[in-house]
Amino acid sequence: MDAMVPTRDAMTSDEVVAIDAVVAAFYALFDNRAGLSPELDTPHAVFARDAVIVRRDGDAVATMSLDEFLAPRRRWLADGTLLDFHEWETQSRTFVADGIATRLSRYRKQGRRDGVAIDGEGAKSLQLARTADGWRIAAVLWQDGDAVAWREAAR
């Protein structure tokens, strides 16, 4: 699983195409480069209503509701704390089992926070569910870090 490249059959799946679109919209939510207005007013197009967000930082784990996760980011993007910010996927692998899916994602992020350059990467695990309105993110688990990488666990 080192390369994190989807299998050929997954790459042609309509389900994965739809999931790709939701994940791309997730990463675009926070993009404020070149005066772009972040899409934080429409999280329902990306997230399930009661989505859970979990951040691991060292040994600390913080669990947030969607509103708890979005509130500070809305403030940072509106008041200039976070400028020219964007995140993007660099690798991904998607697993679909009927109406549920897991997306393992490596990402990079760049921008400025409080005038200091941000340039980093990390890993995210997104859990998605197919709803009447299409695929939505039910949970996100992430960890920042340049050395964070997905690897197959021994059995």
C-alpha atoms as a PDB file:
ATOM      1  CA  MET A   1       0.000   0.000   0.000  1.00  0.00           C
ATOM      2  CA  ASP A   2       3.040   2.278  -0.073  1.00  0.00           C
ATOM      3  CA  ALA A   3       2.137   3.930  -3.374  1.00  0.00           C
ATOM      4  CA  MET A   4      -1.475   4.519  -2.283  1.00  0.00           C
ATOM      5  CA  VAL A   5      -2.676   4.247  -5.864  1.00  0.00           C
ATOM      6  CA  PRO A   6      -6.265   3.053  -6.308  1.00  0.00           C
ATOM      7  CA  THR A   7      -6.722  -0.230  -8.114  1.00  0.00           C
ATOM      8  CA  ARG A   8      -7.738   0.015 -11.760  1.00  0.00           C
ATOM      9  CA  ASP A   9     -11.340  -1.083 -11.110  1.00  0.00           C
ATOM     10  CA  ALA A  10     -11.716   1.538  -8.373  1.00  0.00           C
ATOM     11  CA  MET A  11     -10.373   4.257 -10.644  1.00  0.00           C
ATOM     12  CA  THR A  12     -13.213   3.719 -13.135  1.00  0.00           C
ATOM     13  CA  SER A  13     -15.969   3.392 -10.556  1.00  0.00           C
ATOM     14  CA  ASP A  14     -18.722   6.022 -10.584  1.00  0.00           C
ATOM     15  CA  GLU A  15     -18.722   5.782  -6.792  1.00  0.00           C
ATOM     16  CA  VAL A  16     -15.058   6.742  -6.564  1.00  0.00           C
ATOM     17  CA  VAL A  17     -15.557   9.612  -9.018  1.00  0.00           C
ATOM     18  CA  ALA A  18     -18.317  10.942  -6.740  1.00  0.00           C
ATOM     19  CA  ILE A  19     -16.131  10.449  -3.653  1.00  0.00           C
ATOM     20  CA  ASP A  20     -13.240  12.225  -5.400  1.00  0.00           C
ATOM     21  CA  ALA A  21     -15.524  15.227  -5.955  1.00  0.00           C
ATOM     22  CA  VAL A  22     -16.554  15.357  -2.275  1.00  0.00           C
ATOM     23  CA  VAL A  23     -12.935  15.068  -1.118  1.00  0.00           C
ATOM     24  CA  ALA A  24     -11.843  17.811  -3.546  1.00  0.00           C
ATOM     25  CA  ALA A  25     -14.641  20.033  -2.194  1.00  0.00           C
ATOM     26  CA  PHE A  26     -13.468  19.264   1.363  1.00  0.00           C
ATOM     27  CA  TYR A  27      -9.942  20.466   0.605  1.00  0.00           C
ATOM     28  CA  ALA A  28     -11.322  23.525  -1.236  1.00  0.00           C
ATOM     29  CA  LEU A  29     -13.390  24.588   1.799  1.00  0.00           C
ATOM     30  CA  PHE A  30     -10.421  26.425   3.314  1.00  0.00           C
ATOM     31  CA  ASP A  31      -8.731  27.819   0.187  1.00  0.00           C
ATOM     32  CA  ASN A  32      -8.297  31.582   0.414  1.00  0.00           C
ATOM     33  CA  ARG A  33      -5.429  32.095  -2.027  1.00  0.00           C
ATOM     34  CA  ALA A  34      -5.458  35.192  -4.226  1.00  0.00           C
ATOM     35  CA  GLY A  35      -8.495  36.623  -2.461  1.00  0.00           C
ATOM     36  CA  LEU A  36     -10.666  33.535  -2.898  1.00  0.00           C
ATOM     37  CA  SER A  37     -13.585  33.397  -0.524  1.00  0.00           C
ATOM     38  CA  PRO A  38     -13.546  30.106   1.395  1.00  0.00           C
ATOM     39  CA  GLU A  39     -16.581  27.861   0.974  1.00  0.00           C
ATOM     40  CA  LEU A  40     -17.173  27.469   4.711  1.00  0.00           C
ATOM     41  CA  ASP A  41     -20.806  28.555   4.452  1.00  0.00           C
ATOM     42  CA  THR A  42     -21.753  25.350   2.635  1.00  0.00           C
ATOM     43  CA  PRO A  43     -20.341  22.483   4.718  1.00  0.00           C
ATOM     44  CA  HIS A  44     -23.554  20.472   4.228  1.00  0.00           C
ATOM     45  CA  ALA A  45     -22.459  19.848   0.630  1.00  0.00           C
ATOM     46  CA  VAL A  46     -19.428  17.979   1.986  1.00  0.00           C
ATOM     47  CA  PHE A  47     -20.202  16.769   5.518  1.00  0.00           C
ATOM     48  CA  ALA A  48     -22.909  14.627   7.050  1.00  0.00           C
ATOM     49  CA  ARG A  49     -24.921  16.619   9.577  1.00  0.00           C
ATOM     50  CA  ASP A  50     -23.324  15.103  12.697  1.00  0.00           C
ATOM     51  CA  ALA A  51     -19.831  14.608  11.299  1.00  0.00           C
ATOM     52  CA  VAL A  52     -16.986  14.105  13.754  1.00  0.00           C
ATOM     53  CA  ILE A  53     -13.517  15.584  13.336  1.00  0.00           C
ATOM     54  CA  VAL A  54     -10.539  14.103  15.203  1.00  0.00           C
ATOM     55  CA  ARG A  55      -7.025  15.541  15.309  1.00  0.00           C
ATOM     56  CA  ARG A  56      -4.066  13.629  16.676  1.00  0.00           C
ATOM     57  CA  ASP A  57      -1.145  15.795  17.830  1.00  0.00           C
ATOM     58  CA  GLY A  58       1.584  13.751  19.503  1.00  0.00           C
ATOM     59  CA  ASP A  59      -0.169  11.714  22.172  1.00  0.00           C
ATOM     60  CA  ALA A  60      -3.088  14.154  22.384  1.00  0.00           C
ATOM     61  CA  VAL A  61      -6.339  13.414  20.580  1.00  0.00           C
ATOM     62  CA  ALA A  62      -8.939  16.161  20.131  1.00  0.00           C
ATOM     63  CA  THR A  63     -12.461  15.220  19.038  1.00  0.00           C
ATOM     64  CA  MET A  64     -14.687  17.973  17.656  1.00  0.00           C
ATOM     65  CA  SER A  65     -18.153  18.367  16.249  1.00  0.00           C
ATOM     66  CA  LEU A  66     -18.364  19.900  12.799  1.00  0.00           C
ATOM     67  CA  ASP A  67     -19.315  23.281  14.285  1.00  0.00           C
ATOM     68  CA  GLU A  68     -16.424  23.142  16.779  1.00  0.00           C
ATOM     69  CA  PHE A  69     -14.046  22.393  13.913  1.00  0.00           C
ATOM     70  CA  LEU A  70     -15.369  25.075  11.548  1.00  0.00           C
ATOM     71  CA  ALA A  71     -15.826  27.987  14.004  1.00  0.00           C
ATOM     72  CA  PRO A  72     -12.145  28.877  14.517  1.00  0.00           C
ATOM     73  CA  ARG A  73     -11.355  28.315  10.845  1.00  0.00           C
ATOM     74  CA  ARG A  74     -14.124  30.699   9.812  1.00  0.00           C
ATOM     75  CA  ARG A  75     -12.665  33.286  12.186  1.00  0.00           C
ATOM     76  CA  TRP A  76      -9.050  32.760  11.022  1.00  0.00           C
ATOM     77  CA  LEU A  77     -10.021  33.006   7.364  1.00  0.00           C
ATOM     78  CA  ALA A  78     -12.197  36.098   7.916  1.00  0.00           C
ATOM     79  CA  ASP A  79      -9.896  38.121  10.194  1.00  0.00           C
ATOM     80  CA  GLY A  80      -6.658  37.601   8.263  1.00  0.00           C
ATOM     81  CA  THR A  81      -5.071  35.194  10.740  1.00  0.00           C
ATOM     82  CA  LEU A  82      -4.823  32.636   7.911  1.00  0.00           C
ATOM     83  CA  LEU A  83      -3.800  34.040   4.515  1.00  0.00           C
ATOM     84  CA  ASP A  84      -3.109  32.487   1.116  1.00  0.00           C
ATOM     85  CA  PHE A  85      -3.955  29.120   2.637  1.00  0.00           C
ATOM     86  CA  HIS A  86      -4.696  25.930   0.784  1.00  0.00           C
ATOM     87  CA  GLU A  87      -4.466  22.174   1.266  1.00  0.00           C
ATOM     88  CA  TRP A  88      -4.392  19.527  -1.417  1.00  0.00           C
ATOM     89  CA  GLU A  89      -4.181  15.777  -1.716  1.00  0.00           C
ATOM     90  CA  THR A  90      -0.874  14.353  -2.864  1.00  0.00           C
ATOM     91  CA  GLN A  91      -1.841  10.664  -2.637  1.00  0.00           C
ATOM     92  CA  SER A  92      -5.009   8.759  -1.933  1.00  0.00           C
ATOM     93  CA  ARG A  93      -6.532   5.343  -1.770  1.00  0.00           C
ATOM     94  CA  THR A  94     -10.260   4.714  -1.617  1.00  0.00           C
ATOM     95  CA  PHE A  95     -12.090   1.631  -0.373  1.00  0.00           C
ATOM     96  CA  VAL A  96     -15.830   1.301  -1.041  1.00  0.00           C
ATOM     97  CA  ALA A  97     -18.207  -1.215   0.543  1.00  0.00           C
ATOM     98  CA  ASP A  98     -21.688  -0.508  -0.814  1.00  0.00           C
ATOM     99  CA  GLY A  99     -22.827   2.703   0.924  1.00  0.00           C
ATOM    100  CA  ILE A 100     -19.731   3.327   3.053  1.00  0.00           C
ATOM    101  CA  ALA A 101     -16.211   4.283   2.062  1.00  0.00           C
ATOM    102  CA  THR A 102     -12.808   5.019   3.520  1.00  0.00           C
ATOM    103  CA  ARG A 103     -10.387   7.462   1.917  1.00  0.00           C
ATOM    104  CA  LEU A 104      -6.751   7.345   3.047  1.00  0.00           C
ATOM    105  CA  SER A 105      -5.162  10.617   2.054  1.00  0.00           C
ATOM    106  CA  ARG A 106      -1.753  12.274   2.169  1.00  0.00           C
ATOM    107  CA  TYR A 107      -1.868  16.036   1.842  1.00  0.00           C
ATOM    108  CA  ARG A 108       0.204  19.196   1.765  1.00  0.00           C
ATOM    109  CA  LYS A 109      -0.724  22.604   3.083  1.00  0.00           C
ATOM    110  CA  GLN A 110       0.715  26.054   2.517  1.00  0.00           C
ATOM    111  CA  GLY A 111      -0.136  29.581   3.531  1.00  0.00           C
ATOM    112  CA  ARG A 112       0.569  32.095   6.277  1.00  0.00           C
ATOM    113  CA  ARG A 113      -0.740  32.041   9.836  1.00  0.00           C
ATOM    114  CA  ASP A 114      -0.165  35.173  11.915  1.00  0.00           C
ATOM    115  CA  GLY A 115       2.342  36.248   9.270  1.00  0.00           C
ATOM    116  CA  VAL A 116       4.411  33.057   9.570  1.00  0.00           C
ATOM    117  CA  ALA A 117       4.760  30.747   6.569  1.00  0.00           C
ATOM    118  CA  ILE A 118       3.036  27.354   6.793  1.00  0.00           C
ATOM    119  CA  ASP A 119       4.411  24.570   4.627  1.00  0.00           C
ATOM    120  CA  GLY A 120       3.645  21.084   5.820  1.00  0.00           C
ATOM    121  CA  GLU A 121       2.025  17.772   5.149  1.00  0.00           C
ATOM    122  CA  GLY A 122       0.224  14.975   6.895  1.00  0.00           C
ATOM    123  CA  ALA A 123      -2.265  12.135   6.638  1.00  0.00           C
ATOM    124  CA  LYS A 124      -6.053  12.013   6.821  1.00  0.00           C
ATOM    125  CA  SER A 125      -8.556   9.199   7.032  1.00  0.00           C
ATOM    126  CA  LEU A 126     -11.984  10.202   5.788  1.00  0.00           C
ATOM    127  CA  GLN A 127     -15.021   8.033   6.449  1.00  0.00           C
ATOM    128  CA  LEU A 128     -17.858   8.629   4.013  1.00  0.00           C
ATOM    129  CA  ALA A 129     -21.470   7.497   3.788  1.00  0.00           C
ATOM    130  CA  ARG A 130     -23.758   7.577   0.774  1.00  0.00           C
ATOM    131  CA  THR A 131     -26.893   9.553   1.676  1.00  0.00           C
ATOM    132  CA  ALA A 132     -30.009  10.498  -0.279  1.00  0.00           C
ATOM    133  CA  ASP A 133     -28.060  13.625  -1.318  1.00  0.00           C
ATOM    134  CA  GLY A 134     -24.928  11.726  -2.363  1.00  0.00           C
ATOM    135  CA  TRP A 135     -21.656  10.942  -0.615  1.00  0.00           C
ATOM    136  CA  ARG A 136     -20.906  12.915   2.553  1.00  0.00           C
ATOM    137  CA  ILE A 137     -17.987  12.870   4.980  1.00  0.00           C
ATOM    138  CA  ALA A 138     -19.097  11.352   8.293  1.00  0.00           C
ATOM    139  CA  ALA A 139     -15.707  11.536  10.030  1.00  0.00           C
ATOM    140  CA  VAL A 140     -12.219  12.929   9.486  1.00  0.00           C
ATOM    141  CA  LEU A 141      -9.158  11.805  11.430  1.00  0.00           C
ATOM    142  CA  TRP A 142      -5.936  13.671  10.743  1.00  0.00           C
ATOM    143  CA  GLN A 143      -2.378  14.083  11.878  1.00  0.00           C
ATOM    144  CA  ASP A 144       0.046  16.703  10.616  1.00  0.00           C
ATOM    145  CA  GLY A 145       3.663  15.736  10.075  1.00  0.00           C
ATOM    146  CA  ASP A 146       6.145  15.375   7.260  1.00  0.00           C
ATOM    147  CA  ALA A 147       7.049  11.826   8.325  1.00  0.00           C
ATOM    148  CA  VAL A 148       3.446  10.630   8.691  1.00  0.00           C
ATOM    149  CA  ALA A 149       2.742   7.975   6.060  1.00  0.00           C
ATOM    150  CA  TRP A 150       0.231   5.186   5.539  1.00  0.00           C
ATOM    151  CA  ARG A 151       1.670   1.693   5.704  1.00  0.00           C
ATOM    152  CA  GLU A 152       0.181  -1.777   5.706  1.00  0.00           C
ATOM    153  CA  ALA A 153       0.000  -3.267   9.191  1.00  0.00           C
ATOM    154  CA  ALA A 154       1.397  -6.738   9.802  1.00  0.00           C
ATOM    155  CA  ARG A 155      -1.204  -9.446  10.279  1.00  0.00           C
END
